[in-house]
C-alpha cells in the first residue's frame, strides 16, 4: 500500500506537471491582466476624456461616444460612461439635442437586458442599467427634449416592451406633446442670444395684462449729459399715462427693482415705476329696493303719462388692472446695465414722450438687494 502511494506521489511531482500548472496560471494571469487593462482603458474613456477635451462641441462629443463603442471590445463600464456623459452634456452644449441622446442610448448592448417573464419585468431586471437609462430620459424631460418613435425602438430592442425605461418613455410621449404649447406666451426655440431681443420678449409678456400696451426701445445716448450709454426697453399703456395725473400732488413715486422673470433658461431683471395706492371709488349708497327713487325709462314714462326724472347719476371711476392693493404700476422697463443712471435716463425719455407730469413729481429709487448681496448678508 505504501509503495502504491509513493508511486502516485512521484507521478504528481513530475517536472512537466509543474510546467503545465505554471503555464496555465501564467495564461490565466495574463488574461486577468488584459481584462484589467481593458477595464482601466474604458474607465479612462468615461471620466478623463470628457474633462480633458479642450474644444467642447457637438462633434467632439459624438466622437467620444464612437470611440467608446469601437475601443471597448466587450462593451464594459457603459453605465459609468453614460453617467459621465450625462454630467458633461451642458459643457458641450448638447443637452437639448435629441440625436445625442439617441447615440447614448445605443451604447448599451441589444437583447441582453430583456426580461423573460413577469417577475423579472416587475422586479427591474438589471436594475443598474435600467436606472441609468431612466436618468437619461429624466434629463431629456428636464431640458424639454421630446423623444420620438426611433428612440422608442432603441429602448425596446434594449430592454423589451415591459422594461421600465420603455414605460417611462411612453409616458413622456403621451404627456409632453400636451404641455408643449400649453403656455399662452410662446417663446422661440432656441432662445435668441441677443440680450435686447430677450428683454423685448420679457416686457411683452409682462404687458399682456393690457391689450393696448406698447413696447418701445430707446437709446440713452439720445439723452443729454448721460453717463451710461445703453438700451432701454419700456412698456406702458394709455391708461397708465392717465393715472399719472392723480399723482400731481403726491409726495413721491418710486422706481423699484430689480424683479426677475424667467424665459426658459434666461433670467431677465426688470424695474417698475410705482405710485402709492389710489383711494378706492366711493361706494354706491343708492337703495335699489326703494320704489320712490325708481327711475322709469323715457319711452315708458311718456306712454304712461309719468314725468321723467331729470337727475342723472354720475359714472364712477372704474379701477384698472394697473391699480393694485399695494400701489399703482405706471410703467415697466428693462435696461442693458440695470444702473441708476440708465433708469434716470428712462424717466427723462418718458417726460419727452408724453409723461409731462413726471417733471413735477419727486421720484425715489427703492432698490432691492440682489442674490449676491443676500448671500453676503446671510454669511456675515
Protein backbone atom coordinates (compact mmCIF):
# COMPACT_ATOMS: atom_id res chain seq x y z
CA UNK A 1 0.00 0.00 0.00
CA UNK A 2 2.88 2.29 0.84
CA UNK A 3 4.60 1.65 -2.49
CA UNK A 4 1.46 2.47 -4.41
CA UNK A 5 1.11 5.77 -2.54
CA UNK A 6 4.79 6.65 -3.16
CA UNK A 7 4.42 5.88 -6.87
CA UNK A 8 1.40 8.18 -7.02
CA UNK A 9 3.29 10.95 -5.29
CA UNK A 10 6.20 10.64 -7.68
CA UNK A 11 3.85 10.96 -10.62
CA UNK A 12 2.40 14.13 -9.11
CA UNK A 13 5.89 15.58 -8.66
CA UNK A 14 6.91 15.24 -12.32
CA UNK A 15 8.56 18.41 -13.76
CA UNK A 16 6.25 18.51 -16.73
CA UNK A 17 3.23 18.68 -14.49
CA UNK A 18 4.61 21.66 -12.65
CA UNK A 19 5.36 23.26 -16.00
CA UNK A 20 1.78 22.64 -17.10
CA UNK A 21 0.38 24.28 -13.99
CA UNK A 22 2.78 27.18 -14.24
CA UNK A 23 1.92 27.89 -17.88
CA UNK A 24 -1.80 27.67 -17.21
CA UNK A 25 -1.51 30.00 -14.25
CA UNK A 26 0.58 32.38 -16.33
CA UNK A 27 -2.01 32.33 -19.12
CA UNK A 28 -4.83 32.98 -16.69
CA UNK A 29 -2.81 35.75 -15.10
CA UNK A 30 -2.19 37.36 -18.48
CA UNK A 31 -5.88 37.07 -19.25
CA UNK A 32 -6.83 38.77 -15.98
CA UNK A 33 -4.19 41.42 -16.59
CA UNK A 34 -5.51 42.12 -20.09
CA UNK A 35 -9.07 42.37 -18.78
CA UNK A 36 -7.88 44.75 -16.06
CA UNK A 37 -6.02 46.85 -18.65
CA UNK A 38 -9.12 46.95 -20.81
CA UNK A 39 -11.21 47.99 -17.83
CA UNK A 40 -8.72 50.74 -16.96
CA UNK A 41 -8.81 51.92 -20.60
CA UNK A 42 -12.61 52.08 -20.57
CA UNK A 43 -12.66 53.92 -17.25
CA UNK A 44 -10.20 56.38 -18.75
CA UNK A 45 -12.65 56.88 -21.60
CA UNK A 46 -15.54 57.52 -19.23
CA UNK A 47 -14.02 60.00 -16.80
CA UNK A 48 -10.89 61.54 -18.26
CA UNK A 49 -11.82 62.27 -21.85
CA UNK A 50 -14.87 64.44 -21.19
CA UNK A 51 -12.87 66.79 -18.95
CA UNK A 52 -9.63 66.68 -20.95
CA UNK A 53 -11.07 67.73 -24.31
CA UNK A 54 -10.32 71.41 -24.87
CA UNK A 55 -12.72 72.06 -27.76
CA UNK A 56 -16.10 71.13 -26.33
CA UNK A 57 -18.74 70.97 -29.05
CA UNK A 58 -21.25 68.55 -30.55
CA UNK A 59 -18.79 66.93 -32.95
CA UNK A 60 -16.22 66.13 -30.27
CA UNK A 61 -18.96 64.75 -28.02
CA UNK A 62 -20.17 62.33 -30.71
CA UNK A 63 -16.58 61.31 -31.46
CA UNK A 64 -16.11 60.33 -27.82
CA UNK A 65 -19.22 58.14 -27.97
CA UNK A 66 -18.00 56.50 -31.18
CA UNK A 67 -14.52 55.96 -29.68
CA UNK A 68 -16.01 54.22 -26.66
CA UNK A 69 -18.03 51.89 -28.90
CA UNK A 70 -15.05 50.95 -31.06
CA UNK A 71 -12.30 50.66 -28.40
CA UNK A 72 -14.22 48.53 -25.88
CA UNK A 73 -14.49 45.02 -27.28
CA UNK A 74 -16.74 43.58 -24.60
CA UNK A 75 -18.61 46.84 -24.04
CA UNK A 76 -17.92 47.11 -20.28
CA UNK A 77 -18.46 50.10 -17.98
CA UNK A 78 -21.12 51.59 -20.26
CA UNK A 79 -23.16 52.57 -17.20
CA UNK A 80 -20.29 54.69 -15.91
CA UNK A 81 -19.69 56.07 -19.39
CA UNK A 82 -23.35 57.17 -19.80
CA UNK A 83 -23.34 58.71 -16.30
CA UNK A 84 -20.23 60.75 -17.09
CA UNK A 85 -21.65 61.71 -20.49
CA UNK A 86 -24.89 62.98 -18.94
CA UNK A 87 -22.95 65.02 -16.40
CA UNK A 88 -20.90 66.80 -19.10
CA UNK A 89 -23.69 67.48 -21.60
CA UNK A 90 -24.11 71.15 -20.74
CA UNK A 91 -20.38 71.79 -21.08
CA UNK A 92 -20.57 70.56 -24.67
CA UNK A 93 -23.86 72.34 -25.40
CA UNK A 94 -25.72 69.15 -26.41
CA UNK A 95 -28.19 68.90 -23.52
CA UNK A 96 -31.08 69.74 -25.86
CA UNK A 97 -30.02 67.58 -28.83
CA UNK A 98 -32.22 64.53 -29.44
CA UNK A 99 -29.69 62.82 -31.74
CA UNK A 100 -27.06 62.86 -28.98
CA UNK A 101 -29.47 61.19 -26.55
CA UNK A 102 -30.14 58.51 -29.17
CA UNK A 103 -26.41 57.91 -29.60
CA UNK A 104 -26.00 57.49 -25.84
CA UNK A 105 -28.92 55.06 -25.68
CA UNK A 106 -27.31 52.99 -28.45
CA UNK A 107 -24.21 52.42 -26.31
CA UNK A 108 -25.92 49.61 -24.39
CA UNK A 109 -25.95 46.13 -25.96
CA UNK A 110 -29.18 44.94 -27.51
CA UNK A 111 -31.16 41.93 -26.29
CA UNK A 112 -29.16 41.26 -23.14
CA UNK A 113 -31.41 43.04 -20.65
CA UNK A 114 -34.80 41.92 -21.98
CA UNK A 115 -36.82 40.18 -19.21
CA UNK A 116 -38.11 36.72 -19.99
CA UNK A 117 -41.01 36.60 -17.50
CA UNK A 118 -43.25 38.90 -15.49
CA UNK A 119 -41.24 38.53 -12.30
CA UNK A 120 -38.10 39.87 -13.97
CA UNK A 121 -40.02 42.72 -15.59
CA UNK A 122 -41.70 43.83 -12.36
CA UNK A 123 -38.59 43.48 -10.18
CA UNK A 124 -36.50 45.58 -12.60
CA UNK A 125 -34.28 43.06 -14.37
CA UNK A 126 -30.70 44.50 -14.45
CA UNK A 127 -31.58 47.49 -12.22
CA UNK A 128 -28.31 49.42 -12.67
CA UNK A 129 -28.62 49.51 -16.44
CA UNK A 130 -32.30 50.37 -16.40
CA UNK A 131 -31.81 53.14 -13.85
CA UNK A 132 -29.12 54.90 -15.88
CA UNK A 133 -31.43 54.86 -18.90
CA UNK A 134 -34.25 56.31 -16.78
CA UNK A 135 -31.84 59.06 -15.65
CA UNK A 136 -31.15 59.81 -19.32
CA UNK A 137 -34.88 60.13 -20.02
CA UNK A 138 -35.39 62.37 -16.99
CA UNK A 139 -32.61 64.67 -18.17
CA UNK A 140 -34.33 64.84 -21.55
CA UNK A 141 -37.59 65.77 -19.83
CA UNK A 142 -35.92 68.46 -17.70
CA UNK A 143 -34.38 70.04 -20.81
CA UNK A 144 -37.61 69.90 -22.82
CA UNK A 145 -36.39 67.30 -25.33
CA UNK A 146 -39.26 65.18 -26.61
CA UNK A 147 -38.43 61.61 -27.72
CA UNK A 148 -39.62 60.10 -30.97
CA UNK A 149 -40.53 56.66 -32.33
CA UNK A 150 -36.92 55.86 -33.26
CA UNK A 151 -35.79 56.23 -29.66
CA UNK A 152 -38.67 54.03 -28.54
CA UNK A 153 -37.43 51.32 -30.93
CA UNK A 154 -33.91 51.62 -29.48
CA UNK A 155 -35.17 51.09 -25.92
CA UNK A 156 -37.49 48.25 -26.91
CA UNK A 157 -34.56 46.42 -28.52
CA UNK A 158 -32.50 47.00 -25.37
CA UNK A 159 -34.97 46.41 -22.51
CA UNK A 160 -38.04 44.88 -24.14
CA UNK A 161 -41.63 46.11 -24.19
CA UNK A 162 -42.03 45.60 -20.43
CA UNK A 163 -38.84 47.38 -19.36
CA UNK A 164 -39.09 50.33 -17.01
CA UNK A 165 -37.30 52.76 -19.39
CA UNK A 166 -39.81 51.89 -22.11
CA UNK A 167 -42.70 52.65 -19.72
CA UNK A 168 -41.08 55.97 -18.82
CA UNK A 169 -40.58 56.88 -22.49
CA UNK A 170 -44.20 56.07 -23.39
CA UNK A 171 -45.46 58.30 -20.58
CA UNK A 172 -43.27 61.08 -21.98
CA UNK A 173 -44.66 60.50 -25.47
CA UNK A 174 -48.17 60.90 -24.06
CA UNK A 175 -47.76 63.93 -21.79
CA UNK A 176 -45.03 66.08 -23.36
CA UNK A 177 -46.97 66.92 -26.56
CA UNK A 178 -49.91 68.01 -24.40
CA UNK A 179 -47.81 70.50 -22.42
CA UNK A 180 -45.61 71.66 -25.33
CA UNK A 181 -47.85 74.54 -26.47
CA UNK A 182 -49.94 74.96 -23.34
CA UNK A 183 -48.36 78.28 -22.30
CA UNK A 184 -50.06 81.38 -23.79
CA UNK A 185 -46.65 83.09 -24.05
CA UNK A 186 -44.92 81.17 -26.80
CA UNK A 187 -41.17 81.60 -26.97
CA UNK A 188 -38.83 80.89 -29.89
CA UNK A 189 -36.75 77.74 -29.72
CA UNK A 190 -33.86 78.09 -29.42
CA UNK A 191 -33.88 81.33 -27.46
CA UNK A 192 -32.05 84.29 -29.05
CA UNK A 193 -28.60 85.05 -27.70
CA UNK A 194 -29.06 88.83 -28.01
CA UNK A 195 -29.95 90.40 -24.64
CA UNK A 196 -32.03 93.10 -26.32
CA UNK A 197 -34.29 90.54 -28.03
CA UNK A 198 -34.75 88.63 -24.76
CA UNK A 199 -35.63 91.90 -22.99
CA UNK A 200 -38.32 92.63 -25.60
CA UNK A 201 -39.86 89.20 -25.02
CA UNK A 202 -39.84 89.79 -21.25
CA UNK A 203 -41.56 93.19 -21.41
CA UNK A 204 -44.11 91.89 -23.91
CA UNK A 205 -45.01 89.08 -21.54
CA UNK A 206 -45.36 91.45 -18.58
CA UNK A 207 -47.54 93.91 -20.50
CA UNK A 208 -50.02 91.30 -21.77
CA UNK A 209 -52.35 92.34 -18.93
CA UNK A 210 -53.44 95.27 -21.15
CA UNK A 211 -54.07 94.81 -24.86
CA UNK A 212 -53.33 98.50 -25.55
CA UNK A 213 -49.78 98.23 -24.23
CA UNK A 214 -46.90 99.30 -26.44
CA UNK A 215 -43.27 98.22 -26.14
CA UNK A 216 -40.63 100.70 -27.28
CA UNK A 217 -36.83 100.59 -27.44
CA UNK A 218 -34.82 103.71 -26.56
CA UNK A 219 -31.13 104.60 -26.60
CA UNK A 220 -29.70 106.52 -23.66
CA UNK A 221 -27.24 108.32 -25.93
CA UNK A 222 -30.15 110.48 -27.09
CA UNK A 223 -30.41 111.95 -23.57
CA UNK A 224 -28.28 114.96 -22.61
CA UNK A 225 -25.46 114.52 -20.09
CA UNK A 226 -25.82 110.75 -19.97
CA UNK A 227 -23.13 108.69 -18.24
CA UNK A 228 -24.23 105.16 -19.11
CA UNK A 229 -24.84 104.54 -22.81
CA UNK A 230 -27.10 101.52 -23.22
CA UNK A 231 -30.55 100.49 -24.48
CA UNK A 232 -33.87 100.63 -22.63
CA UNK A 233 -36.96 98.54 -23.36
CA UNK A 234 -40.01 100.35 -21.96
CA UNK A 235 -43.60 99.20 -21.74
CA UNK A 236 -46.61 101.43 -20.98
CA UNK A 237 -50.27 101.91 -21.87
CA UNK A 238 -52.51 104.95 -22.45
CA UNK A 239 -54.29 104.16 -19.18
CA UNK A 240 -51.02 104.42 -17.27
CA UNK A 241 -50.44 107.88 -18.75
CA UNK A 242 -53.85 108.94 -17.44
CA UNK A 243 -53.13 107.55 -13.97
CA UNK A 244 -50.10 109.82 -13.58
CA UNK A 245 -52.48 112.80 -13.34
CA UNK A 246 -53.67 111.50 -9.97
CA UNK A 247 -50.11 111.85 -8.59
CA UNK A 248 -49.56 115.54 -9.30
CA UNK A 249 -49.84 116.35 -5.59
CA UNK A 250 -48.26 113.13 -4.35
CA UNK A 251 -45.23 113.18 -2.10
CA UNK A 252 -43.26 110.87 -4.37
CA UNK A 253 -43.40 107.96 -6.77
CA UNK A 254 -40.86 105.15 -6.78
CA UNK A 255 -38.63 103.18 -9.12
CA UNK A 256 -38.49 99.68 -7.65
CA UNK A 257 -36.50 96.62 -8.58
CA UNK A 258 -34.83 94.62 -9.78
CA UNK A 259 -37.51 91.97 -10.14
CA UNK A 260 -36.88 88.77 -12.05
CA UNK A 261 -38.72 86.94 -14.81
CA UNK A 262 -37.56 83.66 -16.33
CA UNK A 263 -37.83 82.91 -20.05
CA UNK A 264 -36.83 79.26 -20.26
CA UNK A 265 -33.20 79.29 -19.09
CA UNK A 266 -32.75 83.09 -19.32
CA UNK A 267 -33.33 85.35 -16.32
CA UNK A 268 -34.27 89.00 -17.01
CA UNK A 269 -34.20 91.80 -14.43
CA UNK A 270 -36.86 94.47 -14.80
CA UNK A 271 -37.90 97.66 -12.96
CA UNK A 272 -41.28 99.30 -12.37
CA UNK A 273 -42.42 102.88 -11.84
CA UNK A 274 -44.89 102.67 -8.95
CA UNK A 275 -47.08 105.13 -7.09
CA UNK A 276 -48.92 104.74 -3.81
CA UNK A 277 -52.31 103.08 -3.89
CA UNK A 278 -55.09 105.41 -5.02
CA UNK A 279 -58.18 105.77 -2.80
CA UNK A 280 -60.96 103.42 -3.88
CA UNK A 281 -64.03 104.93 -5.62
CA UNK A 282 -66.86 105.95 -3.24
CA UNK A 283 -69.36 103.17 -2.68
CA UNK A 284 -72.82 103.42 -4.22
CA UNK A 285 -75.28 104.11 -1.38
CA UNK A 286 -78.42 104.08 -3.52
CA UNK A 287 -81.16 101.84 -2.13
CA UNK A 288 -82.37 99.82 -5.08
CA UNK A 289 -85.35 98.50 -3.08
CA UNK A 290 -86.85 101.98 -2.56
CA UNK A 291 -89.68 102.47 -5.12
CA UNK A 292 -89.67 106.25 -4.60
CA UNK A 293 -86.28 106.52 -6.25
CA UNK A 294 -87.20 104.14 -9.04
CA UNK A 295 -86.39 105.61 -12.44
CA UNK A 296 -88.68 104.97 -15.37
CA UNK A 297 -87.25 104.89 -18.90
CA UNK A 298 -88.41 107.88 -21.06
CA UNK A 299 -90.25 105.72 -23.62
CA UNK A 300 -92.37 104.02 -20.95
CA UNK A 301 -92.91 107.22 -18.97
CA UNK A 302 -94.30 109.12 -21.98
CA UNK A 303 -96.76 106.32 -22.83
CA UNK A 304 -97.99 106.16 -19.23
CA UNK A 305 -98.08 109.92 -18.67
CA UNK A 306 -95.46 109.84 -15.94
CA UNK A 307 -92.90 112.61 -15.57
CA UNK A 308 -89.32 111.81 -16.41
CA UNK A 309 -86.69 112.48 -13.77
CA UNK A 310 -84.13 114.99 -14.92
CA UNK A 311 -81.45 113.85 -12.48
CA UNK A 312 -78.59 111.76 -13.90
CA UNK A 313 -76.21 109.60 -11.99
CA UNK A 314 -72.52 110.26 -12.39
CA UNK A 315 -70.38 107.41 -13.69
CA UNK A 316 -67.86 106.33 -11.05
CA UNK A 317 -64.22 105.68 -11.75
CA UNK A 318 -63.54 102.04 -12.56
CA UNK A 319 -60.40 100.53 -11.06
CA UNK A 320 -57.99 99.46 -13.79
CA UNK A 321 -55.77 96.38 -13.87
CA UNK A 322 -52.70 98.53 -13.14
CA UNK A 323 -54.08 99.59 -9.73
CA UNK A 324 -53.11 97.01 -7.14
CA UNK A 325 -53.62 96.94 -3.38
CA UNK A 326 -50.01 97.92 -2.67
CA UNK A 327 -49.75 100.60 -5.36
CA UNK A 328 -50.28 101.59 -8.97
CA UNK A 329 -47.83 100.45 -11.64
CA UNK A 330 -47.18 103.33 -14.03
CA UNK A 331 -44.53 101.82 -16.35
CA UNK A 332 -42.17 98.87 -16.76
CA UNK A 333 -38.67 98.78 -18.21
CA UNK A 334 -35.59 96.62 -18.77
CA UNK A 335 -32.20 98.29 -19.19
CA UNK A 336 -28.98 96.88 -20.57
CA UNK A 337 -26.93 97.67 -17.45
CA UNK A 338 -29.57 97.92 -14.64
CA UNK A 339 -27.79 101.03 -13.34
CA UNK A 340 -29.30 104.09 -11.69
CA UNK A 341 -28.08 106.33 -14.48
CA UNK A 342 -29.89 104.23 -17.09
CA UNK A 343 -33.10 104.41 -15.02
CA UNK A 344 -32.74 108.17 -14.72
CA UNK A 345 -32.40 108.35 -18.50
CA UNK A 346 -35.58 106.25 -18.73
CA UNK A 347 -37.51 108.86 -16.72
CA UNK A 348 -36.20 111.67 -18.90
CA UNK A 349 -37.25 109.80 -22.03
CA UNK A 350 -40.74 109.26 -20.59
CA UNK A 351 -41.03 113.00 -19.93
CA UNK A 352 -40.30 113.67 -23.58
CA UNK A 353 -42.77 111.01 -24.72
CA UNK A 354 -45.87 112.44 -23.04
CA UNK A 355 -45.33 111.97 -19.31
CA UNK A 356 -45.18 115.72 -18.71
CA UNK A 357 -46.31 115.45 -15.09
CA UNK A 358 -43.22 113.46 -14.14
CA UNK A 359 -41.13 116.63 -14.15
CA UNK A 360 -43.04 117.97 -11.11
CA UNK A 361 -43.25 114.74 -9.10
CA UNK A 362 -40.37 113.64 -6.81
CA UNK A 363 -39.03 110.22 -7.84
CA UNK A 364 -37.23 107.96 -5.35
CA UNK A 365 -35.15 104.85 -6.04
CA UNK A 366 -36.02 101.76 -3.98
CA UNK A 367 -33.59 99.02 -4.96
CA UNK A 368 -33.98 95.51 -3.64
CA UNK A 369 -30.86 93.56 -2.65
CA UNK A 370 -29.62 91.18 -5.31
CA UNK A 371 -28.96 87.49 -4.72
CA UNK A 372 -25.26 88.05 -4.11
CA UNK A 373 -25.98 90.74 -1.52
CA UNK A 374 -28.45 88.46 0.25
CA UNK A 375 -25.86 85.67 0.40
CA UNK A 376 -23.29 88.12 1.81
CA UNK A 377 -25.73 89.28 4.49
CA UNK A 378 -26.57 85.72 5.50
CA UNK A 379 -22.90 84.69 5.68
CA UNK A 380 -21.99 87.67 7.88
